[in-house]
Amino acid sequence: MTNLERVRKALSPVRRKRIAARAAQLVAEEMTLQELRQARKLTQVRMAKALGITQDGVSRLEKRSDLLLSTLRKTVEALGGRLSLVAEFPDRGPVVLSGITDESAEIKHAGRKRAHVRHRQVA
């Protein structure tokens, strides 16, 4: 018998049931973009129209492991949701980061970047 099996056996049936329910909840909360789209009962074609890209583009987007936050935000919004970003630390509770997924903050940043590029071109 492994250590984990001994620990599980030592728990009360009520505690084991609570742990199993929480584990199921955590598994249900974690989804890929494809699983999320399917759970929202949307096709890749409908997502493509909402995002202004092709169906193939949605397929590629769902397979990517690294996305810009702006792309992820647009995708979540096309699914009918709102993106928030949470930082988790071992020594404190979760912190919701503000301004990171805000479109106006990204537009300001992009504007500064373009101004910087224009300045370099003039010089």
PDB file of N, CA and C in Angstrom:
ATOM      1  N   MET A   1       0.856  -1.186   0.000  1.00  0.00           N
ATOM      2  CA  MET A   1       0.000   0.000   0.000  1.00  0.00           C
ATOM      3  C   MET A   1       0.895   1.239   0.000  1.00  0.00           C
ATOM      4  N   THR A   2       0.569   2.203  -0.900  1.00  0.00           N
ATOM      5  CA  THR A   2       1.371   3.423  -0.992  1.00  0.00           C
ATOM      6  C   THR A   2       0.996   4.385   0.131  1.00  0.00           C
ATOM      7  N   ASN A   3       1.828   5.406   0.294  1.00  0.00           N
ATOM      8  CA  ASN A   3       1.563   6.437   1.294  1.00  0.00           C
ATOM      9  C   ASN A   3       0.215   7.109   1.047  1.00  0.00           C
ATOM     10  N   LEU A   4      -0.046   7.434  -0.227  1.00  0.00           N
ATOM     11  CA  LEU A   4      -1.291   8.103  -0.585  1.00  0.00           C
ATOM     12  C   LEU A   4      -2.500   7.239  -0.238  1.00  0.00           C
ATOM     13  N   GLU A   5      -2.400   5.954  -0.517  1.00  0.00           N
ATOM     14  CA  GLU A   5      -3.503   5.044  -0.181  1.00  0.00           C
ATOM     15  C   GLU A   5      -3.738   5.007   1.315  1.00  0.00           C
ATOM     16  N   ARG A   6      -2.665   5.022   2.117  1.00  0.00           N
ATOM     17  CA  ARG A   6      -2.800   5.020   3.585  1.00  0.00           C
ATOM     18  C   ARG A   6      -3.475   6.305   4.066  1.00  0.00           C
ATOM     19  N   VAL A   7      -3.055   7.432   3.478  1.00  0.00           N
ATOM     20  CA  VAL A   7      -3.644   8.720   3.871  1.00  0.00           C
ATOM     21  C   VAL A   7      -5.124   8.742   3.512  1.00  0.00           C
ATOM     22  N   ARG A   8      -5.453   8.304   2.317  1.00  0.00           N
ATOM     23  CA  ARG A   8      -6.867   8.264   1.894  1.00  0.00           C
ATOM     24  C   ARG A   8      -7.700   7.374   2.805  1.00  0.00           C
ATOM     25  N   LYS A   9      -7.156   6.231   3.141  1.00  0.00           N
ATOM     26  CA  LYS A   9      -7.878   5.278   3.991  1.00  0.00           C
ATOM     27  C   LYS A   9      -8.129   5.861   5.385  1.00  0.00           C
ATOM     28  N   ALA A  10      -7.214   6.704   5.840  1.00  0.00           N
ATOM     29  CA  ALA A  10      -7.347   7.295   7.169  1.00  0.00           C
ATOM     30  C   ALA A  10      -8.414   8.396   7.212  1.00  0.00           C
ATOM     31  N   LEU A  11      -8.793   8.929   6.061  1.00  0.00           N
ATOM     32  CA  LEU A  11      -9.804   9.992   6.012  1.00  0.00           C
ATOM     33  C   LEU A  11     -11.202   9.422   6.217  1.00  0.00           C
ATOM     34  N   SER A  12     -12.044  10.242   6.788  1.00  0.00           N
ATOM     35  CA  SER A  12     -13.445   9.825   6.964  1.00  0.00           C
ATOM     36  C   SER A  12     -14.134   9.794   5.598  1.00  0.00           C
ATOM     37  N   PRO A  13     -15.191   9.008   5.458  1.00  0.00           N
ATOM     38  CA  PRO A  13     -15.927   8.975   4.185  1.00  0.00           C
ATOM     39  C   PRO A  13     -16.444  10.357   3.771  1.00  0.00           C
ATOM     40  N   VAL A  14     -16.857  11.162   4.724  1.00  0.00           N
ATOM     41  CA  VAL A  14     -17.355  12.516   4.433  1.00  0.00           C
ATOM     42  C   VAL A  14     -16.226  13.366   3.860  1.00  0.00           C
ATOM     43  N   ARG A  15     -15.050  13.286   4.476  1.00  0.00           N
ATOM     44  CA  ARG A  15     -13.890  14.051   4.006  1.00  0.00           C
ATOM     45  C   ARG A  15     -13.468  13.594   2.610  1.00  0.00           C
ATOM     46  N   ARG A  16     -13.449  12.284   2.377  1.00  0.00           N
ATOM     47  CA  ARG A  16     -13.096  11.761   1.051  1.00  0.00           C
ATOM     48  C   ARG A  16     -14.081  12.261   0.000  1.00  0.00           C
ATOM     49  N   LYS A  17     -15.352  12.314   0.357  1.00  0.00           N
ATOM     50  CA  LYS A  17     -16.375  12.785  -0.580  1.00  0.00           C
ATOM     51  C   LYS A  17     -16.156  14.256  -0.914  1.00  0.00           C
ATOM     52  N   ARG A  18     -15.837  15.070   0.110  1.00  0.00           N
ATOM     53  CA  ARG A  18     -15.563  16.500  -0.115  1.00  0.00           C
ATOM     54  C   ARG A  18     -14.343  16.703  -1.010  1.00  0.00           C
ATOM     55  N   ILE A  19     -13.311  15.930  -0.774  1.00  0.00           N
ATOM     56  CA  ILE A  19     -12.086  16.028  -1.570  1.00  0.00           C
ATOM     57  C   ILE A  19     -12.379  15.645  -3.021  1.00  0.00           C
ATOM     58  N   ALA A  20     -13.128  14.589  -3.229  1.00  0.00           N
ATOM     59  CA  ALA A  20     -13.476  14.154  -4.587  1.00  0.00           C
ATOM     60  C   ALA A  20     -14.307  15.215  -5.302  1.00  0.00           C
ATOM     61  N   ALA A  21     -15.238  15.837  -4.579  1.00  0.00           N
ATOM     62  CA  ALA A  21     -16.072  16.887  -5.179  1.00  0.00           C
ATOM     63  C   ALA A  21     -15.225  18.091  -5.573  1.00  0.00           C
ATOM     64  N   ARG A  22     -14.300  18.487  -4.703  1.00  0.00           N
ATOM     65  CA  ARG A  22     -13.430  19.627  -5.008  1.00  0.00           C
ATOM     66  C   ARG A  22     -12.505  19.309  -6.185  1.00  0.00           C
ATOM     67  N   ALA A  23     -11.991  18.106  -6.236  1.00  0.00           N
ATOM     68  CA  ALA A  23     -11.124  17.703  -7.348  1.00  0.00           C
ATOM     69  C   ALA A  23     -11.908  17.759  -8.663  1.00  0.00           C
ATOM     70  N   ALA A  24     -13.141  17.283  -8.647  1.00  0.00           N
ATOM     71  CA  ALA A  24     -13.984  17.334  -9.851  1.00  0.00           C
ATOM     72  C   ALA A  24     -14.255  18.773 -10.261  1.00  0.00           C
ATOM     73  N   GLN A  25     -14.459  19.642  -9.271  1.00  0.00           N
ATOM     74  CA  GLN A  25     -14.698  21.065  -9.555  1.00  0.00           C
ATOM     75  C   GLN A  25     -13.465  21.697 -10.199  1.00  0.00           C
ATOM     76  N   LEU A  26     -12.292  21.407  -9.684  1.00  0.00           N
ATOM     77  CA  LEU A  26     -11.058  21.955 -10.248  1.00  0.00           C
ATOM     78  C   LEU A  26     -10.828  21.464 -11.669  1.00  0.00           C
ATOM     79  N   VAL A  27     -11.101  20.201 -11.918  1.00  0.00           N
ATOM     80  CA  VAL A  27     -10.945  19.654 -13.265  1.00  0.00           C
ATOM     81  C   VAL A  27     -11.930  20.334 -14.213  1.00  0.00           C
ATOM     82  N   ALA A  28     -13.153  20.569 -13.753  1.00  0.00           N
ATOM     83  CA  ALA A  28     -14.174  21.211 -14.590  1.00  0.00           C
ATOM     84  C   ALA A  28     -13.824  22.661 -14.888  1.00  0.00           C
ATOM     85  N   GLU A  29     -13.090  23.326 -13.976  1.00  0.00           N
ATOM     86  CA  GLU A  29     -12.726  24.728 -14.167  1.00  0.00           C
ATOM     87  C   GLU A  29     -11.606  24.904 -15.181  1.00  0.00           C
ATOM     88  N   GLU A  30     -10.844  23.875 -15.436  1.00  0.00           N
ATOM     89  CA  GLU A  30      -9.713  23.984 -16.351  1.00  0.00           C
ATOM     90  C   GLU A  30     -10.109  23.431 -17.712  1.00  0.00           C
ATOM     91  N   MET A  31     -10.076  24.294 -18.717  1.00  0.00           N
ATOM     92  CA  MET A  31     -10.441  23.876 -20.065  1.00  0.00           C
ATOM     93  C   MET A  31      -9.488  24.495 -21.072  1.00  0.00           C
ATOM     94  N   THR A  32      -9.329  23.821 -22.182  1.00  0.00           N
ATOM     95  CA  THR A  32      -8.620  24.421 -23.301  1.00  0.00           C
ATOM     96  C   THR A  32      -9.579  25.386 -23.991  1.00  0.00           C
ATOM     97  N   LEU A  33      -9.052  26.221 -24.884  1.00  0.00           N
ATOM     98  CA  LEU A  33      -9.931  27.117 -25.636  1.00  0.00           C
ATOM     99  C   LEU A  33     -10.939  26.318 -26.461  1.00  0.00           C
ATOM    100  N   GLN A  34     -10.509  25.201 -27.014  1.00  0.00           N
ATOM    101  CA  GLN A  34     -11.414  24.367 -27.798  1.00  0.00           C
ATOM    102  C   GLN A  34     -12.537  23.818 -26.914  1.00  0.00           C
ATOM    103  N   GLU A  35     -12.186  23.303 -25.745  1.00  0.00           N
ATOM    104  CA  GLU A  35     -13.198  22.775 -24.827  1.00  0.00           C
ATOM    105  C   GLU A  35     -14.152  23.874 -24.374  1.00  0.00           C
ATOM    106  N   LEU A  36     -13.609  25.057 -24.133  1.00  0.00           N
ATOM    107  CA  LEU A  36     -14.447  26.181 -23.723  1.00  0.00           C
ATOM    108  C   LEU A  36     -15.419  26.564 -24.838  1.00  0.00           C
ATOM    109  N   ARG A  37     -14.917  26.632 -26.065  1.00  0.00           N
ATOM    110  CA  ARG A  37     -15.784  26.954 -27.213  1.00  0.00           C
ATOM    111  C   ARG A  37     -16.893  25.915 -27.349  1.00  0.00           C
ATOM    112  N   GLN A  38     -16.530  24.644 -27.216  1.00  0.00           N
ATOM    113  CA  GLN A  38     -17.514  23.568 -27.332  1.00  0.00           C
ATOM    114  C   GLN A  38     -18.536  23.624 -26.188  1.00  0.00           C
ATOM    115  N   ALA A  39     -18.067  23.940 -24.982  1.00  0.00           N
ATOM    116  CA  ALA A  39     -18.978  24.061 -23.841  1.00  0.00           C
ATOM    117  C   ALA A  39     -19.963  25.212 -24.040  1.00  0.00           C
ATOM    118  N   ARG A  40     -19.520  26.250 -24.750  1.00  0.00           N
ATOM    119  CA  ARG A  40     -20.390  27.397 -25.046  1.00  0.00           C
ATOM    120  C   ARG A  40     -21.259  27.128 -26.278  1.00  0.00           C
ATOM    121  N   LYS A  41     -21.119  25.922 -26.852  1.00  0.00           N
ATOM    122  CA  LYS A  41     -21.903  25.483 -28.008  1.00  0.00           C
ATOM    123  C   LYS A  41     -21.725  26.397 -29.223  1.00  0.00           C
ATOM    124  N   LEU A  42     -20.465  26.756 -29.468  1.00  0.00           N
ATOM    125  CA  LEU A  42     -20.127  27.572 -30.636  1.00  0.00           C
ATOM    126  C   LEU A  42     -19.269  26.755 -31.591  1.00  0.00           C
ATOM    127  N   THR A  43     -19.488  26.939 -32.870  1.00  0.00           N
ATOM    128  CA  THR A  43     -18.657  26.280 -33.877  1.00  0.00           C
ATOM    129  C   THR A  43     -17.445  27.152 -34.169  1.00  0.00           C
ATOM    130  N   GLN A  44     -16.445  26.552 -34.795  1.00  0.00           N
ATOM    131  CA  GLN A  44     -15.277  27.328 -35.211  1.00  0.00           C
ATOM    132  C   GLN A  44     -15.681  28.382 -36.237  1.00  0.00           C
ATOM    133  N   VAL A  45     -16.663  28.082 -37.067  1.00  0.00           N
ATOM    134  CA  VAL A  45     -17.122  29.035 -38.076  1.00  0.00           C
ATOM    135  C   VAL A  45     -17.734  30.265 -37.408  1.00  0.00           C
ATOM    136  N   ARG A  46     -18.574  30.055 -36.394  1.00  0.00           N
ATOM    137  CA  ARG A  46     -19.178  31.199 -35.690  1.00  0.00           C
ATOM    138  C   ARG A  46     -18.123  32.012 -34.943  1.00  0.00           C
ATOM    139  N   MET A  47     -17.148  31.316 -34.341  1.00  0.00           N
ATOM    140  CA  MET A  47     -16.051  32.014 -33.662  1.00  0.00           C
ATOM    141  C   MET A  47     -15.254  32.832 -34.665  1.00  0.00           C
ATOM    142  N   ALA A  48     -15.001  32.260 -35.825  1.00  0.00           N
ATOM    143  CA  ALA A  48     -14.232  32.954 -36.860  1.00  0.00           C
ATOM    144  C   ALA A  48     -14.932  34.242 -37.264  1.00  0.00           C
ATOM    145  N   LYS A  49     -16.241  34.178 -37.451  1.00  0.00           N
ATOM    146  CA  LYS A  49     -17.003  35.380 -37.817  1.00  0.00           C
ATOM    147  C   LYS A  49     -16.911  36.429 -36.715  1.00  0.00           C
ATOM    148  N   ALA A  50     -17.036  35.996 -35.467  1.00  0.00           N
ATOM    149  CA  ALA A  50     -16.973  36.930 -34.335  1.00  0.00           C
ATOM    150  C   ALA A  50     -15.598  37.574 -34.207  1.00  0.00           C
ATOM    151  N   LEU A  51     -14.559  36.829 -34.542  1.00  0.00           N
ATOM    152  CA  LEU A  51     -13.184  37.329 -34.416  1.00  0.00           C
ATOM    153  C   LEU A  51     -12.669  37.994 -35.689  1.00  0.00           C
ATOM    154  N   GLY A  52     -13.402  37.835 -36.783  1.00  0.00           N
ATOM    155  CA  GLY A  52     -12.961  38.410 -38.049  1.00  0.00           C
ATOM    156  C   GLY A  52     -11.781  37.674 -38.651  1.00  0.00           C
ATOM    157  N   ILE A  53     -11.735  36.347 -38.419  1.00  0.00           N
ATOM    158  CA  ILE A  53     -10.668  35.520 -38.987  1.00  0.00           C
ATOM    159  C   ILE A  53     -11.319  34.323 -39.685  1.00  0.00           C
ATOM    160  N   THR A  54     -10.505  33.446 -40.250  1.00  0.00           N
ATOM    161  CA  THR A  54     -11.034  32.258 -40.913  1.00  0.00           C
ATOM    162  C   THR A  54     -11.251  31.131 -39.906  1.00  0.00           C
ATOM    163  N   GLN A  55     -12.007  30.125 -40.329  1.00  0.00           N
ATOM    164  CA  GLN A  55     -12.216  28.945 -39.484  1.00  0.00           C
ATOM    165  C   GLN A  55     -10.879  28.269 -39.206  1.00  0.00           C
ATOM    166  N   ASP A  56     -10.010  28.232 -40.203  1.00  0.00           N
ATOM    167  CA  ASP A  56      -8.680  27.657 -40.033  1.00  0.00           C
ATOM    168  C   ASP A  56      -7.886  28.441 -38.982  1.00  0.00           C
ATOM    169  N   GLY A  57      -8.089  29.762 -38.966  1.00  0.00           N
ATOM    170  CA  GLY A  57      -7.427  30.600 -37.966  1.00  0.00           C
ATOM    171  C   GLY A  57      -7.874  30.252 -36.555  1.00  0.00           C
ATOM    172  N   VAL A  58      -9.154  29.956 -36.386  1.00  0.00           N
ATOM    173  CA  VAL A  58      -9.669  29.544 -35.069  1.00  0.00           C
ATOM    174  C   VAL A  58      -9.048  28.210 -34.675  1.00  0.00           C
ATOM    175  N   SER A  59      -8.958  27.290 -35.628  1.00  0.00           N
ATOM    176  CA  SER A  59      -8.350  25.989 -35.356  1.00  0.00           C
ATOM    177  C   SER A  59      -6.908  26.156 -34.884  1.00  0.00           C
ATOM    178  N   ARG A  60      -6.144  26.997 -35.595  1.00  0.00           N
ATOM    179  CA  ARG A  60      -4.743  27.234 -35.205  1.00  0.00           C
ATOM    180  C   ARG A  60      -4.660  27.920 -33.844  1.00  0.00           C
ATOM    181  N   LEU A  61      -5.559  28.874 -33.596  1.00  0.00           N
ATOM    182  CA  LEU A  61      -5.596  29.592 -32.321  1.00  0.00           C
ATOM    183  C   LEU A  61      -5.818  28.619 -31.159  1.00  0.00           C
ATOM    184  N   GLU A  62      -6.732  27.667 -31.357  1.00  0.00           N
ATOM    185  CA  GLU A  62      -7.049  26.704 -30.301  1.00  0.00           C
ATOM    186  C   GLU A  62      -5.890  25.752 -30.017  1.00  0.00           C
ATOM    187  N   LYS A  63      -4.989  25.589 -30.960  1.00  0.00           N
ATOM    188  CA  LYS A  63      -3.852  24.673 -30.779  1.00  0.00           C
ATOM    189  C   LYS A  63      -2.623  25.365 -30.206  1.00  0.00           C
ATOM    190  N   ARG A  64      -2.623  26.699 -30.210  1.00  0.00           N
ATOM    191  CA  ARG A  64      -1.446  27.435 -29.735  1.00  0.00           C
ATOM    192  C   ARG A  64      -1.308  27.326 -28.220  1.00  0.00           C
ATOM    193  N   SER A  65      -0.083  27.303 -27.759  1.00  0.00           N
ATOM    194  CA  SER A  65       0.167  27.271 -26.312  1.00  0.00           C
ATOM    195  C   SER A  65       0.625  28.630 -25.799  1.00  0.00           C
ATOM    196  N   ASP A  66       0.892  29.570 -26.699  1.00  0.00           N
ATOM    197  CA  ASP A  66       1.383  30.885 -26.304  1.00  0.00           C
ATOM    198  C   ASP A  66       0.607  31.938 -27.085  1.00  0.00           C
ATOM    199  N   LEU A  67      -0.182  32.744 -26.371  1.00  0.00           N
ATOM    200  CA  LEU A  67      -1.023  33.756 -27.007  1.00  0.00           C
ATOM    201  C   LEU A  67      -0.730  35.127 -26.417  1.00  0.00           C
ATOM    202  N   LEU A  68      -0.920  36.157 -27.210  1.00  0.00           N
ATOM    203  CA  LEU A  68      -0.917  37.510 -26.671  1.00  0.00           C
ATOM    204  C   LEU A  68      -2.159  37.661 -25.793  1.00  0.00           C
ATOM    205  N   LEU A  69      -2.047  38.440 -24.735  1.00  0.00           N
ATOM    206  CA  LEU A  69      -3.216  38.661 -23.881  1.00  0.00           C
ATOM    207  C   LEU A  69      -4.357  39.295 -24.659  1.00  0.00           C
ATOM    208  N   SER A  70      -4.045  40.181 -25.597  1.00  0.00           N
ATOM    209  CA  SER A  70      -5.090  40.832 -26.382  1.00  0.00           C
ATOM    210  C   SER A  70      -5.836  39.808 -27.235  1.00  0.00           C
ATOM    211  N   THR A  71      -5.132  38.822 -27.775  1.00  0.00           N
ATOM    212  CA  THR A  71      -5.768  37.768 -28.563  1.00  0.00           C
ATOM    213  C   THR A  71      -6.649  36.902 -27.674  1.00  0.00           C
ATOM    214  N   LEU A  72      -6.138  36.554 -26.504  1.00  0.00           N
ATOM    215  CA  LEU A  72      -6.913  35.750 -25.563  1.00  0.00           C
ATOM    216  C   LEU A  72      -8.156  36.509 -25.102  1.00  0.00           C
ATOM    217  N   ARG A  73      -8.004  37.811 -24.814  1.00  0.00           N
ATOM    218  CA  ARG A  73      -9.141  38.626 -24.387  1.00  0.00           C
ATOM    219  C   ARG A  73     -10.217  38.653 -25.462  1.00  0.00           C
ATOM    220  N   LYS A  74      -9.815  38.900 -26.709  1.00  0.00           N
ATOM    221  CA  LYS A  74     -10.785  38.944 -27.815  1.00  0.00           C
ATOM    222  C   LYS A  74     -11.496  37.603 -27.968  1.00  0.00           C
ATOM    223  N   THR A  75     -10.743  36.519 -27.813  1.00  0.00           N
ATOM    224  CA  THR A  75     -11.322  35.182 -27.946  1.00  0.00           C
ATOM    225  C   THR A  75     -12.342  34.926 -26.843  1.00  0.00           C
ATOM    226  N   VAL A  76     -11.995  35.256 -25.616  1.00  0.00           N
ATOM    227  CA  VAL A  76     -12.905  35.057 -24.491  1.00  0.00           C
ATOM    228  C   VAL A  76     -14.151  35.930 -24.663  1.00  0.00           C
ATOM    229  N   GLU A  77     -13.955  37.168 -25.117  1.00  0.00           N
ATOM    230  CA  GLU A  77     -15.103  38.044 -25.347  1.00  0.00           C
ATOM    231  C   GLU A  77     -15.996  37.509 -26.460  1.00  0.00           C
ATOM    232  N   ALA A  78     -15.410  36.916 -27.503  1.00  0.00           N
ATOM    233  CA  ALA A  78     -16.197  36.318 -28.584  1.00  0.00           C
ATOM    234  C   ALA A  78     -17.010  35.128 -28.074  1.00  0.00           C
ATOM    235  N   LEU A  79     -16.535  34.509 -26.995  1.00  0.00           N
ATOM    236  CA  LEU A  79     -17.260  33.407 -26.368  1.00  0.00           C
ATOM    237  C   LEU A  79     -18.343  33.922 -25.414  1.00  0.00           C
ATOM    238  N   GLY A  80     -18.383  35.240 -25.227  1.00  0.00           N
ATOM    239  CA  GLY A  80     -19.384  35.830 -24.334  1.00  0.00           C
ATOM    240  C   GLY A  80     -18.885  36.075 -22.921  1.00  0.00           C
ATOM    241  N   GLY A  81     -17.583  35.956 -22.715  1.00  0.00           N
ATOM    242  CA  GLY A  81     -17.021  36.124 -21.378  1.00  0.00           C
ATOM    243  C   GLY A  81     -16.183  37.374 -21.248  1.00  0.00           C
ATOM    244  N   ARG A  82     -15.522  37.487 -20.110  1.00  0.00           N
ATOM    245  CA  ARG A  82     -14.621  38.603 -19.814  1.00  0.00           C
ATOM    246  C   ARG A  82     -13.359  38.005 -19.209  1.00  0.00           C
ATOM    247  N   LEU A  83     -12.209  38.394 -19.709  1.00  0.00           N
ATOM    248  CA  LEU A  83     -10.945  37.836 -19.239  1.00  0.00           C
ATOM    249  C   LEU A  83     -10.455  38.596 -18.014  1.00  0.00           C
ATOM    250  N   SER A  84     -10.035  37.844 -16.995  1.00  0.00           N
ATOM    251  CA  SER A  84      -9.319  38.451 -15.870  1.00  0.00           C
ATOM    252  C   SER A  84      -8.100  37.589 -15.604  1.00  0.00           C
ATOM    253  N   LEU A  85      -7.069  38.224 -15.099  1.00  0.00           N
ATOM    254  CA  LEU A  85      -5.805  37.546 -14.872  1.00  0.00           C
ATOM    255  C   LEU A  85      -5.526  37.545 -13.370  1.00  0.00           C
ATOM    256  N   VAL A  86      -5.212  36.363 -12.835  1.00  0.00           N
ATOM    257  CA  VAL A  86      -4.996  36.212 -11.402  1.00  0.00           C
ATOM    258  C   VAL A  86      -3.583  35.700 -11.159  1.00  0.00           C
ATOM    259  N   ALA A  87      -2.868  36.386 -10.276  1.00  0.00           N
ATOM    260  CA  ALA A  87      -1.533  35.936  -9.865  1.00  0.00           C
ATOM    261  C   ALA A  87      -1.678  35.211  -8.527  1.00  0.00           C
ATOM    262  N   GLU A  88      -1.060  34.042  -8.431  1.00  0.00           N
ATOM    263  CA  GLU A  88      -1.137  33.254  -7.205  1.00  0.00           C
ATOM    264  C   GLU A  88       0.255  33.121  -6.593  1.00  0.00           C
ATOM    265  N   PHE A  89       0.315  33.286  -5.271  1.00  0.00           N
ATOM    266  CA  PHE A  89       1.571  33.221  -4.536  1.00  0.00           C
ATOM    267  C   PHE A  89       1.427  32.247  -3.376  1.00  0.00           C
ATOM    268  N   PRO A  90       2.525  31.613  -2.975  1.00  0.00           N
ATOM    269  CA  PRO A  90       2.416  30.653  -1.866  1.00  0.00           C
ATOM    270  C   PRO A  90       2.169  31.310  -0.510  1.00  0.00           C
ATOM    271  N   ASP A  91       2.533  32.596  -0.369  1.00  0.00           N
ATOM    272  CA  ASP A  91       2.451  33.239   0.944  1.00  0.00           C
ATOM    273  C   ASP A  91       1.302  34.229   1.090  1.00  0.00           C
ATOM    274  N   ARG A  92       0.380  34.260   0.132  1.00  0.00           N
ATOM    275  CA  ARG A  92      -0.766  35.171   0.237  1.00  0.00           C
ATOM    276  C   ARG A  92      -1.878  34.685  -0.678  1.00  0.00           C
ATOM    277  N   GLY A  93      -3.031  35.306  -0.557  1.00  0.00           N
ATOM    278  CA  GLY A  93      -4.164  34.940  -1.402  1.00  0.00           C
ATOM    279  C   GLY A  93      -3.961  35.416  -2.824  1.00  0.00           C
ATOM    280  N   PRO A  94      -4.820  34.944  -3.737  1.00  0.00           N
ATOM    281  CA  PRO A  94      -4.728  35.345  -5.143  1.00  0.00           C
ATOM    282  C   PRO A  94      -4.923  36.846  -5.325  1.00  0.00           C
ATOM    283  N   VAL A  95      -4.259  37.404  -6.335  1.00  0.00           N
ATOM    284  CA  VAL A  95      -4.359  38.835  -6.650  1.00  0.00           C
ATOM    285  C   VAL A  95      -4.845  38.959  -8.090  1.00  0.00           C
ATOM    286  N   VAL A  96      -5.963  39.679  -8.289  1.00  0.00           N
ATOM    287  CA  VAL A  96      -6.460  39.940  -9.631  1.00  0.00           C
ATOM    288  C   VAL A  96      -5.678  41.119 -10.177  1.00  0.00           C
ATOM    289  N   LEU A  97      -4.990  40.929 -11.300  1.00  0.00           N
ATOM    290  CA  LEU A  97      -4.183  41.990 -11.895  1.00  0.00           C
ATOM    291  C   LEU A  97      -5.078  42.914 -12.699  1.00  0.00           C
ATOM    292  N   SER A  98      -4.942  44.202 -12.448  1.00  0.00           N
ATOM    293  CA  SER A  98      -5.770  45.164 -13.173  1.00  0.00           C
ATOM    294  C   SER A  98      -4.943  45.845 -14.254  1.00  0.00           C
ATOM    295  N   GLY A  99      -5.618  46.278 -15.317  1.00  0.00           N
ATOM    296  CA  GLY A  99      -4.956  46.996 -16.385  1.00  0.00           C
ATOM    297  C   GLY A  99      -4.222  46.110 -17.372  1.00  0.00           C
ATOM    298  N   ILE A 100      -3.995  44.868 -17.035  1.00  0.00           N
ATOM    299  CA  ILE A 100      -3.239  43.956 -17.901  1.00  0.00           C
ATOM    300  C   ILE A 100      -4.066  43.539 -19.110  1.00  0.00           C
ATOM    301  N   THR A 101      -5.325  43.259 -18.919  1.00  0.00           N
ATOM    302  CA  THR A 101      -6.163  42.793 -20.026  1.00  0.00           C
ATOM    303  C   THR A 101      -7.093  43.894 -20.510  1.00  0.00           C
ATOM    304  N   ASP A 102      -6.823  45.103 -20.095  1.00  0.00           N
ATOM    305  CA  ASP A 102      -7.648  46.244 -20.469  1.00  0.00           C
ATOM    306  C   ASP A 102      -7.262  46.724 -21.865  1.00  0.00           C
ATOM    307  N   GLU A 103      -8.226  46.769 -22.761  1.00  0.00           N
ATOM    308  CA  GLU A 103      -7.947  47.151 -24.146  1.00  0.00           C
ATOM    309  C   GLU A 103      -7.404  48.574 -24.228  1.00  0.00           C
ATOM    310  N   SER A 104      -7.925  49.487 -23.428  1.00  0.00           N
ATOM    311  CA  SER A 104      -7.450  50.870 -23.508  1.00  0.00           C
ATOM    312  C   SER A 104      -5.981  50.972 -23.103  1.00  0.00           C
ATOM    313  N   ALA A 105      -5.548  50.165 -22.139  1.00  0.00           N
ATOM    314  CA  ALA A 105      -4.135  50.169 -21.740  1.00  0.00           C
ATOM    315  C   ALA A 105      -3.271  49.646 -22.881  1.00  0.00           C
ATOM    316  N   GLU A 106      -3.755  48.632 -23.594  1.00  0.00           N
ATOM    317  CA  GLU A 106      -2.993  48.085 -24.716  1.00  0.00           C
ATOM    318  C   GLU A 106      -2.911  49.084 -25.860  1.00  0.00           C
ATOM    319  N   ILE A 107      -3.994  49.815 -26.103  1.00  0.00           N
ATOM    320  CA  ILE A 107      -3.999  50.820 -27.164  1.00  0.00           C
ATOM    321  C   ILE A 107      -3.009  51.926 -26.833  1.00  0.00           C
ATOM    322  N   LYS A 108      -2.997  52.379 -25.566  1.00  0.00           N
ATOM    323  CA  LYS A 108      -2.037  53.408 -25.150  1.00  0.00           C
ATOM    324  C   LYS A 108      -0.613  52.927 -25.373  1.00  0.00           C
ATOM    325  N   HIS A 109      -0.342  51.680 -24.954  1.00  0.00           N
ATOM    326  CA  HIS A 109       0.996  51.121 -25.098  1.00  0.00           C
ATOM    327  C   HIS A 109       1.381  51.031 -26.578  1.00  0.00           C
ATOM    328  N   ALA A 110       0.461  50.567 -27.394  1.00  0.00           N
ATOM    329  CA  ALA A 110       0.734  50.444 -28.835  1.00  0.00           C
ATOM    330  C   ALA A 110       0.988  51.824 -29.434  1.00  0.00           C
ATOM    331  N   GLY A 111       0.253  52.840 -28.980  1.00  0.00           N
ATOM    332  CA  GLY A 111       0.454  54.196 -29.476  1.00  0.00           C
ATOM    333  C   GLY A 111       1.837  54.719 -29.136  1.00  0.00           C
ATOM    334  N   ARG A 112       2.281  54.443 -27.911  1.00  0.00           N
ATOM    335  CA  ARG A 112       3.623  54.863 -27.498  1.00  0.00           C
ATOM    336  C   ARG A 112       4.679  54.157 -28.338  1.00  0.00           C
ATOM    337  N   LYS A 113       4.455  52.893 -28.615  1.00  0.00           N
ATOM    338  CA  LYS A 113       5.409  52.119 -29.393  1.00  0.00           C
ATOM    339  C   LYS A 113       5.505  52.672 -30.812  1.00  0.00           C
ATOM    340  N   ARG A 114       4.351  52.979 -31.420  1.00  0.00           N
ATOM    341  CA  ARG A 114       4.347  53.541 -32.772  1.00  0.00           C
ATOM    342  C   ARG A 114       5.035  54.903 -32.787  1.00  0.00           C
ATOM    343  N   ALA A 115       4.789  55.728 -31.762  1.00  0.00           N
ATOM    344  CA  ALA A 115       5.422  57.047 -31.699  1.00  0.00           C
ATOM    345  C   ALA A 115       6.932  56.887 -31.614  1.00  0.00           C
ATOM    346  N   HIS A 116       7.375  55.904 -30.841  1.00  0.00           N
ATOM    347  CA  HIS A 116       8.801  55.645 -30.700  1.00  0.00           C
ATOM    348  C   HIS A 116       9.391  55.218 -32.044  1.00  0.00           C
ATOM    349  N   VAL A 117       8.679  54.373 -32.757  1.00  0.00           N
ATOM    350  CA  VAL A 117       9.161  53.913 -34.057  1.00  0.00           C
ATOM    351  C   VAL A 117       9.233  55.087 -35.031  1.00  0.00           C
ATOM    352  N   ARG A 118       8.212  55.955 -35.042  1.00  0.00           N
ATOM    353  CA  ARG A 118       8.224  57.110 -35.925  1.00  0.00           C
ATOM    354  C   ARG A 118       9.423  58.005 -35.613  1.00  0.00           C
ATOM    355  N   HIS A 119       9.682  58.209 -34.329  1.00  0.00           N
ATOM    356  CA  HIS A 119      10.798  59.046 -33.917  1.00  0.00           C
ATOM    357  C   HIS A 119      12.119  58.471 -34.447  1.00  0.00           C
ATOM    358  N   ARG A 120      12.268  57.174 -34.368  1.00  0.00           N
ATOM    359  CA  ARG A 120      13.496  56.532 -34.841  1.00  0.00           C
ATOM    360  C   ARG A 120      13.652  56.687 -36.341  1.00  0.00           C
ATOM    361  N   GLN A 121      12.526  56.634 -37.056  1.00  0.00           N
ATOM    362  CA  GLN A 121      12.603  56.752 -38.508  1.00  0.00           C
ATOM    363  C   GLN A 121      13.010  58.146 -38.936  1.00  0.00           C
ATOM    364  N   VAL A 122      12.570  59.143 -38.176  1.00  0.00           N
ATOM    365  CA  VAL A 122      12.884  60.539 -38.512  1.00  0.00           C
ATOM    366  C   VAL A 122      14.349  60.823 -38.253  1.00  0.00           C
ATOM    367  N   ALA A 123      14.875  60.276 -37.176  1.00  0.00           N
ATOM    368  CA  ALA A 123      16.259  60.572 -36.783  1.00  0.00           C
ATOM    369  C   ALA A 123      17.290  60.044 -37.727  1.00  0.00           C
TER     370      ALA A 123
END
